[in-house]
């Protein structure tokens, strides 16, 4: 009995082979939809972040202007009434 157990333990069982070639295995439509959704969500998040950063910067500029007016000072601007034009290209 121990000889049979030793022979069975020594011979490895073959692993099952795949009938589908590796070239034909793709993520398919579900994978494409998942990646497309990730891309769309990323783009929407970047747009929202840009809006929030711009809004915060404008609020800070307005707060500085109001504080300067309260102290009786004047805040120099390049173009009176149009301080937001060209602001993004100058700061980067």
N, C-alpha and C. Protein backbone atom coordinates (compact mmCIF):
# COMPACT_ATOMS: atom_id res chain seq x y z
N UNK A 1 0.82 -1.19 0.00
CA UNK A 1 0.00 0.00 0.00
C UNK A 1 0.86 1.25 0.00
N UNK A 2 1.96 1.25 0.69
CA UNK A 2 2.81 2.43 0.74
C UNK A 2 3.49 2.67 -0.59
N UNK A 3 3.71 1.65 -1.37
CA UNK A 3 4.32 1.82 -2.69
C UNK A 3 3.35 2.53 -3.63
N UNK A 4 2.10 2.19 -3.57
CA UNK A 4 1.09 2.85 -4.42
C UNK A 4 0.95 4.31 -4.02
N UNK A 5 0.95 4.62 -2.76
CA UNK A 5 0.84 6.00 -2.29
C UNK A 5 2.06 6.80 -2.71
N UNK A 6 3.23 6.22 -2.70
CA UNK A 6 4.45 6.90 -3.11
C UNK A 6 4.43 7.19 -4.61
N UNK A 7 3.92 6.23 -5.40
CA UNK A 7 3.86 6.43 -6.86
C UNK A 7 2.84 7.52 -7.20
N UNK A 8 1.69 7.51 -6.55
CA UNK A 8 0.67 8.53 -6.81
C UNK A 8 1.14 9.92 -6.39
N UNK A 9 1.88 10.01 -5.32
CA UNK A 9 2.39 11.29 -4.85
C UNK A 9 3.50 11.81 -5.74
N UNK A 10 4.26 10.93 -6.39
CA UNK A 10 5.39 11.35 -7.21
C UNK A 10 4.95 11.82 -8.59
N UNK A 11 3.83 11.35 -9.12
CA UNK A 11 3.40 11.76 -10.46
C UNK A 11 2.47 12.97 -10.36
N UNK A 12 2.88 14.07 -10.94
CA UNK A 12 2.04 15.27 -10.87
C UNK A 12 0.84 15.13 -11.81
N UNK A 13 -0.25 15.72 -11.40
CA UNK A 13 -1.43 15.70 -12.26
C UNK A 13 -1.31 16.83 -13.27
N UNK A 14 -1.68 16.58 -14.51
CA UNK A 14 -1.54 17.64 -15.53
C UNK A 14 -2.53 18.77 -15.28
N UNK A 15 -2.06 19.98 -15.56
CA UNK A 15 -2.95 21.14 -15.39
C UNK A 15 -3.84 21.25 -16.63
N UNK A 16 -5.04 21.74 -16.45
CA UNK A 16 -5.93 21.84 -17.61
C UNK A 16 -5.42 22.89 -18.59
N UNK A 17 -5.55 22.60 -19.86
CA UNK A 17 -5.10 23.53 -20.89
C UNK A 17 -6.28 24.36 -21.37
N UNK A 18 -5.99 25.57 -21.76
CA UNK A 18 -7.04 26.48 -22.23
C UNK A 18 -7.32 26.20 -23.70
N UNK A 19 -8.59 26.22 -24.05
CA UNK A 19 -8.96 26.00 -25.44
C UNK A 19 -9.05 27.32 -26.21
N UNK A 20 -9.02 28.44 -25.51
CA UNK A 20 -9.10 29.76 -26.14
C UNK A 20 -7.69 30.32 -26.25
N UNK A 21 -7.28 30.77 -27.44
CA UNK A 21 -5.94 31.39 -27.56
C UNK A 21 -5.86 32.68 -26.75
N UNK A 22 -4.66 32.98 -26.26
CA UNK A 22 -4.47 34.20 -25.46
C UNK A 22 -4.73 35.47 -26.24
N UNK A 23 -4.60 35.44 -27.54
CA UNK A 23 -4.82 36.62 -28.38
C UNK A 23 -6.29 37.02 -28.37
N UNK A 24 -7.18 36.06 -28.24
CA UNK A 24 -8.61 36.34 -28.30
C UNK A 24 -9.20 36.83 -26.98
N UNK A 25 -8.43 36.84 -25.92
CA UNK A 25 -8.93 37.26 -24.61
C UNK A 25 -8.78 38.78 -24.49
N UNK A 26 -9.89 39.50 -24.43
CA UNK A 26 -9.89 40.96 -24.33
C UNK A 26 -10.88 41.38 -23.25
N UNK A 27 -10.76 42.63 -22.76
CA UNK A 27 -11.71 43.10 -21.75
C UNK A 27 -13.12 43.27 -22.31
N UNK A 28 -13.24 43.47 -23.60
CA UNK A 28 -14.55 43.56 -24.22
C UNK A 28 -15.25 44.88 -23.99
N UNK A 29 -16.53 44.86 -24.20
CA UNK A 29 -17.35 46.07 -24.10
C UNK A 29 -17.42 46.57 -22.66
N UNK A 30 -17.49 45.65 -21.73
CA UNK A 30 -17.58 46.05 -20.31
C UNK A 30 -16.31 46.79 -19.88
N UNK A 31 -15.16 46.30 -20.31
CA UNK A 31 -13.90 46.97 -19.99
C UNK A 31 -13.81 48.34 -20.62
N UNK A 32 -14.26 48.45 -21.87
CA UNK A 32 -14.25 49.74 -22.55
C UNK A 32 -15.17 50.74 -21.83
N UNK A 33 -16.34 50.31 -21.45
CA UNK A 33 -17.29 51.19 -20.76
C UNK A 33 -16.72 51.63 -19.41
N UNK A 34 -16.08 50.71 -18.70
CA UNK A 34 -15.51 51.06 -17.40
C UNK A 34 -14.42 52.11 -17.54
N UNK A 35 -13.52 51.94 -18.51
CA UNK A 35 -12.44 52.91 -18.71
C UNK A 35 -13.00 54.24 -19.20
N UNK A 36 -14.01 54.20 -20.06
CA UNK A 36 -14.63 55.44 -20.54
C UNK A 36 -15.28 56.20 -19.39
N UNK A 37 -15.94 55.50 -18.49
CA UNK A 37 -16.55 56.17 -17.33
C UNK A 37 -15.49 56.79 -16.42
N UNK A 38 -14.39 56.09 -16.22
CA UNK A 38 -13.31 56.64 -15.40
C UNK A 38 -12.76 57.91 -16.05
N UNK A 39 -12.60 57.90 -17.37
CA UNK A 39 -12.09 59.09 -18.07
C UNK A 39 -13.06 60.26 -17.96
N UNK A 40 -14.35 60.01 -18.13
CA UNK A 40 -15.35 61.08 -18.05
C UNK A 40 -15.41 61.65 -16.64
N UNK A 41 -15.38 60.80 -15.63
CA UNK A 41 -15.42 61.27 -14.24
C UNK A 41 -14.17 62.09 -13.93
N UNK A 42 -13.02 61.67 -14.43
CA UNK A 42 -11.78 62.42 -14.20
C UNK A 42 -11.86 63.80 -14.83
N UNK A 43 -12.36 63.88 -16.05
CA UNK A 43 -12.48 65.18 -16.73
C UNK A 43 -13.44 66.08 -15.96
N UNK A 44 -14.56 65.54 -15.51
CA UNK A 44 -15.51 66.36 -14.75
C UNK A 44 -14.92 66.84 -13.43
N UNK A 45 -14.14 66.00 -12.77
CA UNK A 45 -13.49 66.42 -11.52
C UNK A 45 -12.47 67.53 -11.75
N UNK A 46 -11.72 67.45 -12.84
CA UNK A 46 -10.74 68.50 -13.14
C UNK A 46 -11.45 69.81 -13.43
N UNK A 47 -12.54 69.77 -14.18
CA UNK A 47 -13.30 71.00 -14.47
C UNK A 47 -13.85 71.60 -13.18
N UNK A 48 -14.40 70.77 -12.30
CA UNK A 48 -14.95 71.27 -11.04
C UNK A 48 -13.85 71.85 -10.16
N UNK A 49 -12.70 71.20 -10.12
CA UNK A 49 -11.59 71.70 -9.31
C UNK A 49 -11.13 73.06 -9.83
N UNK A 50 -11.04 73.20 -11.15
CA UNK A 50 -10.62 74.48 -11.73
C UNK A 50 -11.59 75.59 -11.36
N UNK A 51 -12.87 75.31 -11.42
CA UNK A 51 -13.88 76.31 -11.05
C UNK A 51 -13.74 76.71 -9.59
N UNK A 52 -13.54 75.73 -8.72
CA UNK A 52 -13.44 76.04 -7.29
C UNK A 52 -12.19 76.86 -6.98
N UNK A 53 -11.08 76.53 -7.62
CA UNK A 53 -9.84 77.29 -7.39
C UNK A 53 -10.00 78.72 -7.89
N UNK A 54 -10.60 78.89 -9.07
CA UNK A 54 -10.81 80.23 -9.61
C UNK A 54 -11.73 81.04 -8.71
N UNK A 55 -12.80 80.41 -8.23
CA UNK A 55 -13.75 81.10 -7.35
C UNK A 55 -13.07 81.52 -6.05
N UNK A 56 -12.22 80.67 -5.50
CA UNK A 56 -11.51 81.01 -4.26
C UNK A 56 -10.56 82.17 -4.49
N UNK A 57 -9.87 82.18 -5.63
CA UNK A 57 -8.94 83.27 -5.92
C UNK A 57 -9.70 84.58 -6.08
N UNK A 58 -10.83 84.57 -6.77
CA UNK A 58 -11.62 85.79 -6.95
C UNK A 58 -12.15 86.30 -5.61
N UNK A 59 -12.59 85.39 -4.76
CA UNK A 59 -13.09 85.82 -3.45
C UNK A 59 -11.98 86.46 -2.63
N UNK A 60 -10.77 85.93 -2.72
CA UNK A 60 -9.65 86.51 -1.98
C UNK A 60 -9.31 87.90 -2.51
N UNK A 61 -9.35 88.06 -3.83
CA UNK A 61 -9.08 89.38 -4.41
C UNK A 61 -10.14 90.39 -3.98
N UNK A 62 -11.38 89.98 -3.98
CA UNK A 62 -12.46 90.89 -3.56
C UNK A 62 -12.33 91.23 -2.08
N UNK A 63 -11.98 90.24 -1.26
CA UNK A 63 -11.80 90.49 0.18
C UNK A 63 -10.67 91.49 0.40
N UNK A 64 -9.55 91.34 -0.35
CA UNK A 64 -8.45 92.29 -0.21
C UNK A 64 -8.88 93.70 -0.61
N UNK A 65 -9.65 93.78 -1.71
CA UNK A 65 -10.13 95.08 -2.17
C UNK A 65 -11.04 95.74 -1.14
N UNK A 66 -11.96 94.95 -0.56
CA UNK A 66 -12.87 95.51 0.44
C UNK A 66 -12.13 95.95 1.70
N UNK A 67 -11.14 95.16 2.12
CA UNK A 67 -10.36 95.54 3.30
C UNK A 67 -9.55 96.80 3.03
N UNK A 68 -9.01 96.92 1.82
CA UNK A 68 -8.24 98.12 1.47
C UNK A 68 -9.16 99.34 1.43
N UNK A 69 -10.37 99.18 0.90
CA UNK A 69 -11.31 100.30 0.89
C UNK A 69 -11.73 100.69 2.29
N UNK A 70 -11.86 99.71 3.18
CA UNK A 70 -12.23 100.01 4.56
C UNK A 70 -11.13 100.79 5.27
N UNK A 71 -9.87 100.51 4.89
CA UNK A 71 -8.76 101.25 5.48
C UNK A 71 -8.53 102.59 4.79
N UNK A 72 -9.21 102.83 3.68
CA UNK A 72 -9.06 104.09 2.96
C UNK A 72 -7.96 104.05 1.92
N UNK A 73 -7.45 102.89 1.59
CA UNK A 73 -6.39 102.77 0.57
C UNK A 73 -7.03 102.44 -0.78
N UNK A 74 -6.24 102.62 -1.82
CA UNK A 74 -6.69 102.21 -3.15
C UNK A 74 -5.84 101.04 -3.62
N UNK A 75 -6.48 100.12 -4.30
CA UNK A 75 -5.78 98.94 -4.81
C UNK A 75 -5.47 99.19 -6.27
N UNK A 76 -4.18 99.15 -6.67
CA UNK A 76 -3.86 99.38 -8.08
C UNK A 76 -4.29 98.21 -8.95
N UNK A 77 -4.87 98.53 -10.10
CA UNK A 77 -5.28 97.51 -11.08
C UNK A 77 -4.73 97.90 -12.44
N UNK A 78 -4.49 96.92 -13.29
CA UNK A 78 -3.99 97.19 -14.63
C UNK A 78 -5.07 97.84 -15.50
N UNK A 79 -6.25 97.24 -15.49
CA UNK A 79 -7.38 97.78 -16.25
C UNK A 79 -8.53 98.00 -15.28
N UNK A 80 -8.95 99.22 -15.08
CA UNK A 80 -10.06 99.46 -14.15
C UNK A 80 -11.32 98.75 -14.61
N UNK A 81 -11.93 98.01 -13.70
CA UNK A 81 -13.17 97.33 -14.00
C UNK A 81 -13.01 95.97 -14.66
N UNK A 82 -11.79 95.60 -15.05
CA UNK A 82 -11.58 94.32 -15.72
C UNK A 82 -10.35 93.63 -15.15
N UNK A 83 -10.36 93.34 -13.87
CA UNK A 83 -9.19 92.75 -13.23
C UNK A 83 -9.05 91.26 -13.52
N UNK A 84 -10.11 90.60 -13.98
CA UNK A 84 -10.03 89.16 -14.21
C UNK A 84 -9.50 88.80 -15.60
N UNK A 85 -9.42 89.74 -16.52
CA UNK A 85 -8.97 89.45 -17.88
C UNK A 85 -7.46 89.31 -17.89
N UNK A 86 -6.98 88.20 -18.44
CA UNK A 86 -5.55 87.97 -18.55
C UNK A 86 -4.91 87.49 -17.26
N UNK A 87 -5.67 87.30 -16.22
CA UNK A 87 -5.12 86.91 -14.93
C UNK A 87 -4.55 85.50 -14.98
N UNK A 88 -5.22 84.58 -15.67
CA UNK A 88 -4.77 83.20 -15.71
C UNK A 88 -3.47 83.05 -16.51
N UNK A 89 -3.30 83.83 -17.58
CA UNK A 89 -2.11 83.66 -18.39
C UNK A 89 -0.89 84.27 -17.73
N UNK A 90 -1.06 85.29 -16.91
CA UNK A 90 0.08 85.92 -16.27
C UNK A 90 0.61 85.09 -15.12
N UNK A 91 -0.27 84.43 -14.38
CA UNK A 91 0.16 83.66 -13.22
C UNK A 91 0.50 82.22 -13.56
N UNK A 92 0.05 81.74 -14.69
CA UNK A 92 0.39 80.36 -15.09
C UNK A 92 -0.64 79.41 -14.84
